[in-house]
Amino acid sequence: MDTSTVANAAYGANTFLWMCIFAFGLILSILWILVPFAVFGIKGLLRRIARSLETIERQNVDLLAAWRDYPRDYANRETVVYRDVRPDGTVVVREDRAPPP
């Protein structure tokens, strides 16, 4: 085998490797420069999400308080019958006393 062919192949592989490393470094540096803009762009969205979560939490607290204050008449509860058909064809019947709305 000719030594110049081996040297050219090694030189070509080495050059390709360094070009890949340079391209990766260039892409990484561009992304590193753009990261602060992405962080500042997300802040408004995070604030909106936090506000909506606070609203939902307040609604949940109000609903829980209304549910606790609701007068319950356990004697006159309405009975609900559930009929579930299983895949094998059997029917399961279950009765529950549902709380009034």
PDB file of N, CA and C in Angstrom:
ATOM      1  N   MET A   1       0.838  -1.166   0.000  1.00  0.00           N
ATOM      2  CA  MET A   1       0.000   0.000   0.000  1.00  0.00           C
ATOM      3  C   MET A   1       0.888   1.236   0.000  1.00  0.00           C
ATOM      4  N   ASP A   2       0.462   2.213  -0.700  1.00  0.00           N
ATOM      5  CA  ASP A   2       1.241   3.437  -0.851  1.00  0.00           C
ATOM      6  C   ASP A   2       1.096   4.299   0.406  1.00  0.00           C
ATOM      7  N   THR A   3       2.191   4.824   0.902  1.00  0.00           N
ATOM      8  CA  THR A   3       2.168   5.615   2.137  1.00  0.00           C
ATOM      9  C   THR A   3       1.478   6.953   1.941  1.00  0.00           C
ATOM     10  N   SER A   4       1.514   7.502   0.744  1.00  0.00           N
ATOM     11  CA  SER A   4       0.860   8.792   0.521  1.00  0.00           C
ATOM     12  C   SER A   4      -0.662   8.636   0.545  1.00  0.00           C
ATOM     13  N   THR A   5      -1.179   7.475   0.117  1.00  0.00           N
ATOM     14  CA  THR A   5      -2.621   7.230   0.154  1.00  0.00           C
ATOM     15  C   THR A   5      -3.099   7.156   1.603  1.00  0.00           C
ATOM     16  N   VAL A   6      -2.347   6.463   2.432  1.00  0.00           N
ATOM     17  CA  VAL A   6      -2.705   6.356   3.850  1.00  0.00           C
ATOM     18  C   VAL A   6      -2.620   7.722   4.509  1.00  0.00           C
ATOM     19  N   ALA A   7      -1.594   8.498   4.194  1.00  0.00           N
ATOM     20  CA  ALA A   7      -1.442   9.829   4.778  1.00  0.00           C
ATOM     21  C   ALA A   7      -2.578  10.741   4.341  1.00  0.00           C
ATOM     22  N   ASN A   8      -2.966  10.653   3.069  1.00  0.00           N
ATOM     23  CA  ASN A   8      -4.079  11.493   2.591  1.00  0.00           C
ATOM     24  C   ASN A   8      -5.405  11.094   3.257  1.00  0.00           C
ATOM     25  N   ALA A   9      -5.613   9.795   3.449  1.00  0.00           N
ATOM     26  CA  ALA A   9      -6.842   9.339   4.095  1.00  0.00           C
ATOM     27  C   ALA A   9      -6.882   9.803   5.551  1.00  0.00           C
ATOM     28  N   ALA A  10      -5.757   9.703   6.250  1.00  0.00           N
ATOM     29  CA  ALA A  10      -5.689  10.146   7.637  1.00  0.00           C
ATOM     30  C   ALA A  10      -5.874  11.657   7.722  1.00  0.00           C
ATOM     31  N   TYR A  11      -5.274  12.381   6.791  1.00  0.00           N
ATOM     32  CA  TYR A  11      -5.416  13.833   6.780  1.00  0.00           C
ATOM     33  C   TYR A  11      -6.879  14.227   6.511  1.00  0.00           C
ATOM     34  N   GLY A  12      -7.531  13.527   5.588  1.00  0.00           N
ATOM     35  CA  GLY A  12      -8.935  13.819   5.267  1.00  0.00           C
ATOM     36  C   GLY A  12      -9.845  13.512   6.442  1.00  0.00           C
ATOM     37  N   ALA A  13      -9.611  12.407   7.142  1.00  0.00           N
ATOM     38  CA  ALA A  13     -10.429  12.043   8.294  1.00  0.00           C
ATOM     39  C   ALA A  13     -10.222  13.048   9.425  1.00  0.00           C
ATOM     40  N   ASN A  14      -8.973  13.446   9.628  1.00  0.00           N
ATOM     41  CA  ASN A  14      -8.666  14.405  10.674  1.00  0.00           C
ATOM     42  C   ASN A  14      -9.313  15.760  10.370  1.00  0.00           C
ATOM     43  N   THR A  15      -9.256  16.178   9.127  1.00  0.00           N
ATOM     44  CA  THR A  15      -9.883  17.441   8.733  1.00  0.00           C
ATOM     45  C   THR A  15     -11.399  17.377   8.920  1.00  0.00           C
ATOM     46  N   PHE A  16     -12.007  16.264   8.540  1.00  0.00           N
ATOM     47  CA  PHE A  16     -13.446  16.107   8.702  1.00  0.00           C
ATOM     48  C   PHE A  16     -13.827  16.162  10.176  1.00  0.00           C
ATOM     49  N   LEU A  17     -13.036  15.504  11.027  1.00  0.00           N
ATOM     50  CA  LEU A  17     -13.310  15.520  12.461  1.00  0.00           C
ATOM     51  C   LEU A  17     -13.252  16.937  13.002  1.00  0.00           C
ATOM     52  N   TRP A  18     -12.234  17.707  12.642  1.00  0.00           N
ATOM     53  CA  TRP A  18     -12.115  19.077  13.135  1.00  0.00           C
ATOM     54  C   TRP A  18     -13.224  19.975  12.587  1.00  0.00           C
ATOM     55  N   MET A  19     -13.666  19.721  11.375  1.00  0.00           N
ATOM     56  CA  MET A  19     -14.770  20.506  10.812  1.00  0.00           C
ATOM     57  C   MET A  19     -16.066  20.213  11.579  1.00  0.00           C
ATOM     58  N   CYS A  20     -16.283  18.948  11.951  1.00  0.00           N
ATOM     59  CA  CYS A  20     -17.464  18.593  12.743  1.00  0.00           C
ATOM     60  C   CYS A  20     -17.412  19.239  14.117  1.00  0.00           C
ATOM     61  N   ILE A  21     -16.250  19.229  14.758  1.00  0.00           N
ATOM     62  CA  ILE A  21     -16.099  19.854  16.069  1.00  0.00           C
ATOM     63  C   ILE A  21     -16.330  21.357  15.972  1.00  0.00           C
ATOM     64  N   PHE A  22     -15.817  21.985  14.905  1.00  0.00           N
ATOM     65  CA  PHE A  22     -16.012  23.418  14.714  1.00  0.00           C
ATOM     66  C   PHE A  22     -17.500  23.740  14.494  1.00  0.00           C
ATOM     67  N   ALA A  23     -18.194  22.945  13.684  1.00  0.00           N
ATOM     68  CA  ALA A  23     -19.619  23.176  13.427  1.00  0.00           C
ATOM     69  C   ALA A  23     -20.426  22.999  14.712  1.00  0.00           C
ATOM     70  N   PHE A  24     -20.108  21.972  15.490  1.00  0.00           N
ATOM     71  CA  PHE A  24     -20.797  21.756  16.761  1.00  0.00           C
ATOM     72  C   PHE A  24     -20.556  22.926  17.710  1.00  0.00           C
ATOM     73  N   GLY A  25     -19.330  23.399  17.797  1.00  0.00           N
ATOM     74  CA  GLY A  25     -19.004  24.541  18.655  1.00  0.00           C
ATOM     75  C   GLY A  25     -19.706  25.811  18.194  1.00  0.00           C
ATOM     76  N   LEU A  26     -19.803  26.010  16.900  1.00  0.00           N
ATOM     77  CA  LEU A  26     -20.480  27.185  16.364  1.00  0.00           C
ATOM     78  C   LEU A  26     -21.978  27.149  16.700  1.00  0.00           C
ATOM     79  N   ILE A  27     -22.607  26.004  16.508  1.00  0.00           N
ATOM     80  CA  ILE A  27     -24.027  25.854  16.831  1.00  0.00           C
ATOM     81  C   ILE A  27     -24.248  26.041  18.327  1.00  0.00           C
ATOM     82  N   LEU A  28     -23.377  25.457  19.139  1.00  0.00           N
ATOM     83  CA  LEU A  28     -23.497  25.586  20.590  1.00  0.00           C
ATOM     84  C   LEU A  28     -23.329  27.033  21.031  1.00  0.00           C
ATOM     85  N   SER A  29     -22.413  27.761  20.456  1.00  0.00           N
ATOM     86  CA  SER A  29     -22.215  29.163  20.842  1.00  0.00           C
ATOM     87  C   SER A  29     -23.407  30.027  20.424  1.00  0.00           C
ATOM     88  N   ILE A  30     -24.007  29.759  19.267  1.00  0.00           N
ATOM     89  CA  ILE A  30     -25.188  30.508  18.845  1.00  0.00           C
ATOM     90  C   ILE A  30     -26.345  30.234  19.803  1.00  0.00           C
ATOM     91  N   LEU A  31     -26.537  28.981  20.177  1.00  0.00           N
ATOM     92  CA  LEU A  31     -27.600  28.649  21.126  1.00  0.00           C
ATOM     93  C   LEU A  31     -27.345  29.285  22.488  1.00  0.00           C
ATOM     94  N   TRP A  32     -26.090  29.338  22.912  1.00  0.00           N
ATOM     95  CA  TRP A  32     -25.744  29.930  24.201  1.00  0.00           C
ATOM     96  C   TRP A  32     -26.062  31.421  24.210  1.00  0.00           C
ATOM     97  N   ILE A  33     -25.889  32.079  23.085  1.00  0.00           N
ATOM     98  CA  ILE A  33     -26.213  33.503  22.981  1.00  0.00           C
ATOM     99  C   ILE A  33     -27.732  33.705  23.019  1.00  0.00           C
ATOM    100  N   LEU A  34     -28.515  32.777  22.445  1.00  0.00           N
ATOM    101  CA  LEU A  34     -29.964  32.918  22.368  1.00  0.00           C
ATOM    102  C   LEU A  34     -30.703  32.504  23.641  1.00  0.00           C
ATOM    103  N   VAL A  35     -30.056  31.802  24.559  1.00  0.00           N
ATOM    104  CA  VAL A  35     -30.721  31.310  25.770  1.00  0.00           C
ATOM    105  C   VAL A  35     -31.334  32.426  26.616  1.00  0.00           C
ATOM    106  N   PRO A  36     -30.643  33.538  26.881  1.00  0.00           N
ATOM    107  CA  PRO A  36     -31.273  34.585  27.710  1.00  0.00           C
ATOM    108  C   PRO A  36     -32.555  35.140  27.093  1.00  0.00           C
ATOM    109  N   PHE A  37     -32.596  35.255  25.779  1.00  0.00           N
ATOM    110  CA  PHE A  37     -33.802  35.754  25.133  1.00  0.00           C
ATOM    111  C   PHE A  37     -34.966  34.789  25.330  1.00  0.00           C
ATOM    112  N   ALA A  38     -34.691  33.502  25.297  1.00  0.00           N
ATOM    113  CA  ALA A  38     -35.738  32.506  25.526  1.00  0.00           C
ATOM    114  C   ALA A  38     -36.234  32.562  26.965  1.00  0.00           C
ATOM    115  N   VAL A  39     -35.321  32.749  27.909  1.00  0.00           N
ATOM    116  CA  VAL A  39     -35.705  32.817  29.321  1.00  0.00           C
ATOM    117  C   VAL A  39     -36.585  34.036  29.565  1.00  0.00           C
ATOM    118  N   PHE A  40     -36.181  35.192  29.039  1.00  0.00           N
ATOM    119  CA  PHE A  40     -36.985  36.398  29.240  1.00  0.00           C
ATOM    120  C   PHE A  40     -38.308  36.318  28.495  1.00  0.00           C
ATOM    121  N   GLY A  41     -38.356  35.606  27.384  1.00  0.00           N
ATOM    122  CA  GLY A  41     -39.599  35.445  26.643  1.00  0.00           C
ATOM    123  C   GLY A  41     -40.602  34.557  27.362  1.00  0.00           C
ATOM    124  N   ILE A  42     -40.124  33.627  28.168  1.00  0.00           N
ATOM    125  CA  ILE A  42     -41.000  32.693  28.872  1.00  0.00           C
ATOM    126  C   ILE A  42     -41.567  33.310  30.156  1.00  0.00           C
ATOM    127  N   LYS A  43     -40.939  34.350  30.667  1.00  0.00           N
ATOM    128  CA  LYS A  43     -41.375  34.919  31.952  1.00  0.00           C
ATOM    129  C   LYS A  43     -42.834  35.348  31.925  1.00  0.00           C
ATOM    130  N   GLY A  44     -43.286  36.004  30.865  1.00  0.00           N
ATOM    131  CA  GLY A  44     -44.677  36.443  30.778  1.00  0.00           C
ATOM    132  C   GLY A  44     -45.644  35.273  30.788  1.00  0.00           C
ATOM    133  N   LEU A  45     -45.285  34.215  30.070  1.00  0.00           N
ATOM    134  CA  LEU A  45     -46.125  33.024  30.043  1.00  0.00           C
ATOM    135  C   LEU A  45     -46.212  32.386  31.422  1.00  0.00           C
ATOM    136  N   LEU A  46     -45.102  32.314  32.126  1.00  0.00           N
ATOM    137  CA  LEU A  46     -45.107  31.749  33.474  1.00  0.00           C
ATOM    138  C   LEU A  46     -45.946  32.590  34.432  1.00  0.00           C
ATOM    139  N   ARG A  47     -45.893  33.910  34.281  1.00  0.00           N
ATOM    140  CA  ARG A  47     -46.728  34.772  35.126  1.00  0.00           C
ATOM    141  C   ARG A  47     -48.205  34.527  34.858  1.00  0.00           C
ATOM    142  N   ARG A  48     -48.572  34.392  33.571  1.00  0.00           N
ATOM    143  CA  ARG A  48     -49.969  34.126  33.223  1.00  0.00           C
ATOM    144  C   ARG A  48     -50.435  32.797  33.803  1.00  0.00           C
ATOM    145  N   ILE A  49     -49.595  31.768  33.703  1.00  0.00           N
ATOM    146  CA  ILE A  49     -49.939  30.461  34.253  1.00  0.00           C
ATOM    147  C   ILE A  49     -50.102  30.542  35.771  1.00  0.00           C
ATOM    148  N   ALA A  50     -49.211  31.278  36.445  1.00  0.00           N
ATOM    149  CA  ALA A  50     -49.304  31.417  37.901  1.00  0.00           C
ATOM    150  C   ALA A  50     -50.593  32.124  38.286  1.00  0.00           C
ATOM    151  N   ARG A  51     -50.973  33.182  37.532  1.00  0.00           N
ATOM    152  CA  ARG A  51     -52.224  33.883  37.830  1.00  0.00           C
ATOM    153  C   ARG A  51     -53.434  32.977  37.650  1.00  0.00           C
ATOM    154  N   SER A  52     -53.434  32.189  36.582  1.00  0.00           N
ATOM    155  CA  SER A  52     -54.579  31.301  36.358  1.00  0.00           C
ATOM    156  C   SER A  52     -54.639  30.212  37.429  1.00  0.00           C
ATOM    157  N   LEU A  53     -53.501  29.716  37.887  1.00  0.00           N
ATOM    158  CA  LEU A  53     -53.493  28.732  38.974  1.00  0.00           C
ATOM    159  C   LEU A  53     -54.024  29.335  40.269  1.00  0.00           C
ATOM    160  N   GLU A  54     -53.665  30.591  40.544  1.00  0.00           N
ATOM    161  CA  GLU A  54     -54.196  31.251  41.747  1.00  0.00           C
ATOM    162  C   GLU A  54     -55.710  31.391  41.656  1.00  0.00           C
ATOM    163  N   THR A  55     -56.217  31.723  40.467  1.00  0.00           N
ATOM    164  CA  THR A  55     -57.662  31.835  40.275  1.00  0.00           C
ATOM    165  C   THR A  55     -58.345  30.495  40.498  1.00  0.00           C
ATOM    166  N   ILE A  56     -57.776  29.438  39.957  1.00  0.00           N
ATOM    167  CA  ILE A  56     -58.341  28.098  40.124  1.00  0.00           C
ATOM    168  C   ILE A  56     -58.320  27.685  41.595  1.00  0.00           C
ATOM    169  N   GLU A  57     -57.241  28.003  42.292  1.00  0.00           N
ATOM    170  CA  GLU A  57     -57.162  27.667  43.714  1.00  0.00           C
ATOM    171  C   GLU A  57     -58.226  28.408  44.510  1.00  0.00           C
ATOM    172  N   ARG A  58     -58.452  29.704  44.191  1.00  0.00           N
ATOM    173  CA  ARG A  58     -59.502  30.451  44.879  1.00  0.00           C
ATOM    174  C   ARG A  58     -60.875  29.851  44.596  1.00  0.00           C
ATOM    175  N   GLN A  59     -61.118  29.449  43.364  1.00  0.00           N
ATOM    176  CA  GLN A  59     -62.384  28.821  43.020  1.00  0.00           C
ATOM    177  C   GLN A  59     -62.568  27.515  43.774  1.00  0.00           C
ATOM    178  N   ASN A  60     -61.501  26.737  43.883  1.00  0.00           N
ATOM    179  CA  ASN A  60     -61.583  25.478  44.630  1.00  0.00           C
ATOM    180  C   ASN A  60     -61.898  25.714  46.098  1.00  0.00           C
ATOM    181  N   VAL A  61     -61.280  26.727  46.680  1.00  0.00           N
ATOM    182  CA  VAL A  61     -61.546  27.049  48.079  1.00  0.00           C
ATOM    183  C   VAL A  61     -63.000  27.471  48.250  1.00  0.00           C
ATOM    184  N   ASP A  62     -63.504  28.288  47.323  1.00  0.00           N
ATOM    185  CA  ASP A  62     -64.907  28.713  47.403  1.00  0.00           C
ATOM    186  C   ASP A  62     -65.855  27.532  47.245  1.00  0.00           C
ATOM    187  N   LEU A  63     -65.564  26.639  46.312  1.00  0.00           N
ATOM    188  CA  LEU A  63     -66.415  25.462  46.115  1.00  0.00           C
ATOM    189  C   LEU A  63     -66.399  24.547  47.336  1.00  0.00           C
ATOM    190  N   LEU A  64     -65.223  24.356  47.920  1.00  0.00           N
ATOM    191  CA  LEU A  64     -65.128  23.518  49.115  1.00  0.00           C
ATOM    192  C   LEU A  64     -65.896  24.129  50.281  1.00  0.00           C
ATOM    193  N   ALA A  65     -65.803  25.446  50.442  1.00  0.00           N
ATOM    194  CA  ALA A  65     -66.537  26.109  51.518  1.00  0.00           C
ATOM    195  C   ALA A  65     -68.039  25.997  51.281  1.00  0.00           C
ATOM    196  N   ALA A  66     -68.470  26.154  50.029  1.00  0.00           N
ATOM    197  CA  ALA A  66     -69.900  26.029  49.735  1.00  0.00           C
ATOM    198  C   ALA A  66     -70.371  24.599  49.957  1.00  0.00           C
ATOM    199  N   TRP A  67     -69.541  23.625  49.618  1.00  0.00           N
ATOM    200  CA  TRP A  67     -69.911  22.217  49.819  1.00  0.00           C
ATOM    201  C   TRP A  67     -70.019  21.888  51.295  1.00  0.00           C
ATOM    202  N   ARG A  68     -69.122  22.438  52.108  1.00  0.00           N
ATOM    203  CA  ARG A  68     -69.163  22.180  53.551  1.00  0.00           C
ATOM    204  C   ARG A  68     -70.373  22.843  54.198  1.00  0.00           C
ATOM    205  N   ASP A  69     -70.792  23.994  53.690  1.00  0.00           N
ATOM    206  CA  ASP A  69     -71.925  24.720  54.266  1.00  0.00           C
ATOM    207  C   ASP A  69     -73.262  24.224  53.739  1.00  0.00           C
ATOM    208  N   TYR A  70     -73.256  23.345  52.756  1.00  0.00           N
ATOM    209  CA  TYR A  70     -74.500  22.886  52.145  1.00  0.00           C
ATOM    210  C   TYR A  70     -75.250  21.990  53.132  1.00  0.00           C
ATOM    211  N   PRO A  71     -76.540  22.274  53.397  1.00  0.00           N
ATOM    212  CA  PRO A  71     -77.285  21.420  54.340  1.00  0.00           C
ATOM    213  C   PRO A  71     -77.537  20.036  53.738  1.00  0.00           C
ATOM    214  N   ARG A  72     -77.263  19.026  54.500  1.00  0.00           N
ATOM    215  CA  ARG A  72     -77.411  17.667  53.994  1.00  0.00           C
ATOM    216  C   ARG A  72     -78.579  16.984  54.704  1.00  0.00           C
ATOM    217  N   ASP A  73     -79.449  16.459  53.905  1.00  0.00           N
ATOM    218  CA  ASP A  73     -80.584  15.705  54.417  1.00  0.00           C
ATOM    219  C   ASP A  73     -80.340  14.249  54.021  1.00  0.00           C
ATOM    220  N   TYR A  74     -79.704  13.497  54.905  1.00  0.00           N
ATOM    221  CA  TYR A  74     -79.310  12.131  54.562  1.00  0.00           C
ATOM    222  C   TYR A  74     -80.495  11.186  54.414  1.00  0.00           C
ATOM    223  N   ALA A  75     -81.608  11.521  55.012  1.00  0.00           N
ATOM    224  CA  ALA A  75     -82.764  10.629  54.936  1.00  0.00           C
ATOM    225  C   ALA A  75     -83.431  10.682  53.566  1.00  0.00           C
ATOM    226  N   ASN A  76     -83.417  11.827  52.916  1.00  0.00           N
ATOM    227  CA  ASN A  76     -84.118  11.989  51.644  1.00  0.00           C
ATOM    228  C   ASN A  76     -83.164  12.028  50.452  1.00  0.00           C
ATOM    229  N   ARG A  77     -82.107  11.317  50.545  1.00  0.00           N
ATOM    230  CA  ARG A  77     -81.178  11.285  49.416  1.00  0.00           C
ATOM    231  C   ARG A  77     -81.759  10.483  48.272  1.00  0.00           C
ATOM    232  N   GLU A  78     -81.427  10.877  47.112  1.00  0.00           N
ATOM    233  CA  GLU A  78     -81.914  10.219  45.908  1.00  0.00           C
ATOM    234  C   GLU A  78     -81.050   8.988  45.622  1.00  0.00           C
ATOM    235  N   THR A  79     -81.666   7.885  45.221  1.00  0.00           N
ATOM    236  CA  THR A  79     -80.946   6.653  44.935  1.00  0.00           C
ATOM    237  C   THR A  79     -80.647   6.585  43.447  1.00  0.00           C
ATOM    238  N   VAL A  80     -79.405   6.266  43.134  1.00  0.00           N
ATOM    239  CA  VAL A  80     -78.968   6.153  41.746  1.00  0.00           C
ATOM    240  C   VAL A  80     -78.580   4.706  41.492  1.00  0.00           C
ATOM    241  N   VAL A  81     -79.052   4.148  40.392  1.00  0.00           N
ATOM    242  CA  VAL A  81     -78.751   2.764  40.030  1.00  0.00           C
ATOM    243  C   VAL A  81     -77.768   2.775  38.873  1.00  0.00           C
ATOM    244  N   TYR A  82     -76.657   2.090  39.056  1.00  0.00           N
ATOM    245  CA  TYR A  82     -75.647   1.971  38.011  1.00  0.00           C
ATOM    246  C   TYR A  82     -75.711   0.574  37.426  1.00  0.00           C
ATOM    247  N   ARG A  83     -75.771   0.483  36.127  1.00  0.00           N
ATOM    248  CA  ARG A  83     -75.716  -0.811  35.449  1.00  0.00           C
ATOM    249  C   ARG A  83     -74.504  -0.815  34.541  1.00  0.00           C
ATOM    250  N   ASP A  84     -73.552  -1.635  34.886  1.00  0.00           N
ATOM    251  CA  ASP A  84     -72.333  -1.741  34.095  1.00  0.00           C
ATOM    252  C   ASP A  84     -72.323  -3.070  33.361  1.00  0.00           C
ATOM    253  N   VAL A  85     -72.089  -3.027  32.063  1.00  0.00           N
ATOM    254  CA  VAL A  85     -71.988  -4.245  31.268  1.00  0.00           C
ATOM    255  C   VAL A  85     -70.515  -4.533  31.058  1.00  0.00           C
ATOM    256  N   ARG A  86     -70.091  -5.680  31.527  1.00  0.00           N
ATOM    257  CA  ARG A  86     -68.691  -6.067  31.392  1.00  0.00           C
ATOM    258  C   ARG A  86     -68.443  -6.673  30.016  1.00  0.00           C
ATOM    259  N   PRO A  87     -67.194  -6.759  29.602  1.00  0.00           N
ATOM    260  CA  PRO A  87     -66.888  -7.322  28.275  1.00  0.00           C
ATOM    261  C   PRO A  87     -67.361  -8.758  28.082  1.00  0.00           C
ATOM    262  N   ASP A  88     -67.466  -9.531  29.172  1.00  0.00           N
ATOM    263  CA  ASP A  88     -67.912 -10.922  29.019  1.00  0.00           C
ATOM    264  C   ASP A  88     -69.431 -11.036  28.955  1.00  0.00           C
ATOM    265  N   GLY A  89     -70.153  -9.912  29.037  1.00  0.00           N
ATOM    266  CA  GLY A  89     -71.599  -9.919  28.889  1.00  0.00           C
ATOM    267  C   GLY A  89     -72.367  -9.866  30.185  1.00  0.00           C
ATOM    268  N   THR A  90     -71.705 -10.002  31.322  1.00  0.00           N
ATOM    269  CA  THR A  90     -72.413  -9.950  32.592  1.00  0.00           C
ATOM    270  C   THR A  90     -72.779  -8.503  32.931  1.00  0.00           C
ATOM    271  N   VAL A  91     -73.871  -8.332  33.646  1.00  0.00           N
ATOM    272  CA  VAL A  91     -74.351  -7.002  34.026  1.00  0.00           C
ATOM    273  C   VAL A  91     -74.189  -6.857  35.526  1.00  0.00           C
ATOM    274  N   VAL A  92     -73.560  -5.781  35.932  1.00  0.00           N
ATOM    275  CA  VAL A  92     -73.363  -5.494  37.349  1.00  0.00           C
ATOM    276  C   VAL A  92     -74.286  -4.337  37.706  1.00  0.00           C
ATOM    277  N   VAL A  93     -75.145  -4.560  38.711  1.00  0.00           N
ATOM    278  CA  VAL A  93     -76.072  -3.509  39.164  1.00  0.00           C
ATOM    279  C   VAL A  93     -75.614  -3.060  40.540  1.00  0.00           C
ATOM    280  N   ARG A  94     -75.557  -1.744  40.706  1.00  0.00           N
ATOM    281  CA  ARG A  94     -75.095  -1.184  41.966  1.00  0.00           C
ATOM    282  C   ARG A  94     -75.970   0.010  42.292  1.00  0.00           C
ATOM    283  N   GLU A  95     -76.396   0.115  43.528  1.00  0.00           N
ATOM    284  CA  GLU A  95     -77.205   1.257  43.957  1.00  0.00           C
ATOM    285  C   GLU A  95     -76.396   2.116  44.901  1.00  0.00           C
ATOM    286  N   ASP A  96     -76.424   3.404  44.647  1.00  0.00           N
ATOM    287  CA  ASP A  96     -75.739   4.370  45.504  1.00  0.00           C
ATOM    288  C   ASP A  96     -76.701   5.473  45.857  1.00  0.00           C
ATOM    289  N   ARG A  97     -76.519   5.986  47.046  1.00  0.00           N
ATOM    290  CA  ARG A  97     -77.282   7.173  47.425  1.00  0.00           C
ATOM    291  C   ARG A  97     -76.433   8.373  47.035  1.00  0.00           C
ATOM    292  N   ALA A  98     -76.952   9.153  46.117  1.00  0.00           N
ATOM    293  CA  ALA A  98     -76.215  10.318  45.625  1.00  0.00           C
ATOM    294  C   ALA A  98     -76.602  11.542  46.433  1.00  0.00           C
ATOM    295  N   PRO A  99     -75.633  12.409  46.722  1.00  0.00           N
ATOM    296  CA  PRO A  99     -75.977  13.642  47.430  1.00  0.00           C
ATOM    297  C   PRO A  99     -76.755  14.575  46.513  1.00  0.00           C
ATOM    298  N   PRO A 100     -77.646  15.377  47.044  1.00  0.00           N
ATOM    299  CA  PRO A 100     -78.409  16.287  46.204  1.00  0.00           C
ATOM    300  C   PRO A 100     -77.490  17.323  45.572  1.00  0.00           C
ATOM    301  N   PRO A 101     -77.841  17.822  44.409  1.00  0.00           N
ATOM    302  CA  PRO A 101     -76.951  18.798  43.731  1.00  0.00           C
ATOM    303  C   PRO A 101     -76.902  20.112  44.462  1.00  0.00           C
TER     304      PRO A 101
END
